[in-house]
Amino acid sequence: MSIGAGIFLFVVGAVIRFALNVEVSWLDLPLVGNLLMGAGVLIFVLGLVFTFRRRRSVSTRRTVNGHGEVDGVTRTTREVDDPDL
């Protein structure tokens, strides 16, 4: 969703910056357009980063014999997609 929101903000900012020919005394429309385009690019890049980010999960398995001694340690590493996204 953030990728789409970034594209939307960029397009709205470009329309305000380049397509509107309105003079408003209390607001600088080209500046607002530039700010929206910058925010759109930032949100788009952050959306891509969070989309392609992966979390590493490391699990360790220890085998203990009857005397309380560790027989062996097996370490496995697997990549898991981020469930928050």
C-alpha atoms as a PDB file:
ATOM      1  CA  MET A   1       0.000   0.000   0.000  1.00  0.00           C
ATOM      2  CA  SER A   2       2.820   2.425   0.708  1.00  0.00           C
ATOM      3  CA  ILE A   3       4.194   1.959  -2.811  1.00  0.00           C
ATOM      4  CA  GLY A   4       0.842   3.018  -4.265  1.00  0.00           C
ATOM      5  CA  ALA A   5       0.570   5.923  -1.841  1.00  0.00           C
ATOM      6  CA  GLY A   6       4.046   7.109  -2.835  1.00  0.00           C
ATOM      7  CA  ILE A   7       3.160   7.003  -6.523  1.00  0.00           C
ATOM      8  CA  PHE A   8      -0.107   8.834  -5.829  1.00  0.00           C
ATOM      9  CA  LEU A   9       1.636  11.601  -3.865  1.00  0.00           C
ATOM     10  CA  PHE A  10       4.250  11.991  -6.580  1.00  0.00           C
ATOM     11  CA  VAL A  11       1.611  12.290  -9.325  1.00  0.00           C
ATOM     12  CA  VAL A  12      -0.467  14.794  -7.339  1.00  0.00           C
ATOM     13  CA  GLY A  13       2.659  16.832  -6.617  1.00  0.00           C
ATOM     14  CA  ALA A  14       3.665  16.806 -10.287  1.00  0.00           C
ATOM     15  CA  VAL A  15       0.196  17.971 -11.316  1.00  0.00           C
ATOM     16  CA  ILE A  16       0.287  20.789  -8.777  1.00  0.00           C
ATOM     17  CA  ARG A  17       3.829  21.747  -9.752  1.00  0.00           C
ATOM     18  CA  PHE A  18       3.662  21.577 -13.540  1.00  0.00           C
ATOM     19  CA  ALA A  19       0.032  21.499 -14.700  1.00  0.00           C
ATOM     20  CA  LEU A  20      -1.743  24.069 -12.550  1.00  0.00           C
ATOM     21  CA  ASN A  21      -1.489  27.665 -13.623  1.00  0.00           C
ATOM     22  CA  VAL A  22      -3.179  29.248 -10.603  1.00  0.00           C
ATOM     23  CA  GLU A  23      -1.809  32.119  -8.555  1.00  0.00           C
ATOM     24  CA  VAL A  24      -2.641  32.043  -4.870  1.00  0.00           C
ATOM     25  CA  SER A  25      -1.255  34.846  -2.714  1.00  0.00           C
ATOM     26  CA  TRP A  26      -1.162  32.878   0.545  1.00  0.00           C
ATOM     27  CA  LEU A  27       0.304  29.627  -0.847  1.00  0.00           C
ATOM     28  CA  ASP A  28       3.273  28.834  -3.058  1.00  0.00           C
ATOM     29  CA  LEU A  29       1.873  26.030  -5.240  1.00  0.00           C
ATOM     30  CA  PRO A  30       5.178  25.025  -6.898  1.00  0.00           C
ATOM     31  CA  LEU A  31       6.698  24.540  -3.433  1.00  0.00           C
ATOM     32  CA  VAL A  32       3.738  22.414  -2.332  1.00  0.00           C
ATOM     33  CA  GLY A  33       4.100  20.344  -5.504  1.00  0.00           C
ATOM     34  CA  ASN A  34       7.818  19.854  -4.860  1.00  0.00           C
ATOM     35  CA  LEU A  35       7.153  18.802  -1.267  1.00  0.00           C
ATOM     36  CA  LEU A  36       4.494  16.294  -2.337  1.00  0.00           C
ATOM     37  CA  MET A  37       6.775  14.836  -5.011  1.00  0.00           C
ATOM     38  CA  GLY A  38       9.608  14.511  -2.464  1.00  0.00           C
ATOM     39  CA  ALA A  39       7.307  12.848   0.051  1.00  0.00           C
ATOM     40  CA  GLY A  40       6.035  10.511  -2.665  1.00  0.00           C
ATOM     41  CA  VAL A  41       9.556   9.437  -3.601  1.00  0.00           C
ATOM     42  CA  LEU A  42      10.460   8.885   0.064  1.00  0.00           C
ATOM     43  CA  ILE A  43       7.356   6.804   0.762  1.00  0.00           C
ATOM     44  CA  PHE A  44       7.893   4.799  -2.439  1.00  0.00           C
ATOM     45  CA  VAL A  45      11.511   3.973  -1.519  1.00  0.00           C
ATOM     46  CA  LEU A  46      10.572   3.057   2.056  1.00  0.00           C
ATOM     47  CA  GLY A  47       7.785   0.839   0.731  1.00  0.00           C
ATOM     48  CA  LEU A  48      10.265  -0.986  -1.502  1.00  0.00           C
ATOM     49  CA  VAL A  49      12.738  -1.401   1.364  1.00  0.00           C
ATOM     50  CA  PHE A  50      10.103  -2.842   3.689  1.00  0.00           C
ATOM     51  CA  THR A  51       8.740  -5.082   0.944  1.00  0.00           C
ATOM     52  CA  PHE A  52      12.086  -6.680   0.175  1.00  0.00           C
ATOM     53  CA  ARG A  53      13.354  -6.785   3.749  1.00  0.00           C
ATOM     54  CA  ARG A  54      13.668 -10.225   5.237  1.00  0.00           C
ATOM     55  CA  ARG A  55      14.190 -11.260   8.794  1.00  0.00           C
ATOM     56  CA  ARG A  56      16.622 -14.024   9.711  1.00  0.00           C
ATOM     57  CA  SER A  57      15.505 -16.563  12.242  1.00  0.00           C
ATOM     58  CA  VAL A  58      18.109 -18.710  13.977  1.00  0.00           C
ATOM     59  CA  SER A  59      17.089 -21.740  15.992  1.00  0.00           C
ATOM     60  CA  THR A  60      19.409 -23.915  18.023  1.00  0.00           C
ATOM     61  CA  ARG A  61      18.651 -27.498  19.044  1.00  0.00           C
ATOM     62  CA  ARG A  62      20.609 -29.131  21.849  1.00  0.00           C
ATOM     63  CA  THR A  63      20.562 -32.808  22.629  1.00  0.00           C
ATOM     64  CA  VAL A  64      21.140 -33.728  26.268  1.00  0.00           C
ATOM     65  CA  ASN A  65      21.838 -37.283  27.386  1.00  0.00           C
ATOM     66  CA  GLY A  66      20.641 -38.799  30.665  1.00  0.00           C
ATOM     67  CA  HIS A  67      23.680 -37.514  32.606  1.00  0.00           C
ATOM     68  CA  GLY A  68      23.006 -33.851  31.867  1.00  0.00           C
ATOM     69  CA  GLU A  69      25.765 -33.592  29.271  1.00  0.00           C
ATOM     70  CA  VAL A  70      25.233 -32.027  25.885  1.00  0.00           C
ATOM     71  CA  ASP A  71      25.631 -34.633  23.158  1.00  0.00           C
ATOM     72  CA  GLY A  72      25.473 -32.321  20.171  1.00  0.00           C
ATOM     73  CA  VAL A  73      24.357 -28.917  19.055  1.00  0.00           C
ATOM     74  CA  THR A  74      22.623 -28.427  15.744  1.00  0.00           C
ATOM     75  CA  ARG A  75      22.243 -24.912  14.455  1.00  0.00           C
ATOM     76  CA  THR A  76      19.917 -24.179  11.584  1.00  0.00           C
ATOM     77  CA  THR A  77      19.327 -20.857   9.890  1.00  0.00           C
ATOM     78  CA  ARG A  78      16.349 -20.095   7.733  1.00  0.00           C
ATOM     79  CA  GLU A  79      14.957 -16.947   6.124  1.00  0.00           C
ATOM     80  CA  VAL A  80      11.401 -16.011   6.963  1.00  0.00           C
ATOM     81  CA  ASP A  81       9.248 -13.343   5.338  1.00  0.00           C
ATOM     82  CA  ASP A  82       8.307 -10.502   7.630  1.00  0.00           C
ATOM     83  CA  PRO A  83       4.760 -11.230   8.865  1.00  0.00           C
ATOM     84  CA  ASP A  84       4.178  -7.554   9.729  1.00  0.00           C
ATOM     85  CA  LEU A  85       3.944  -6.517   6.085  1.00  0.00           C
END
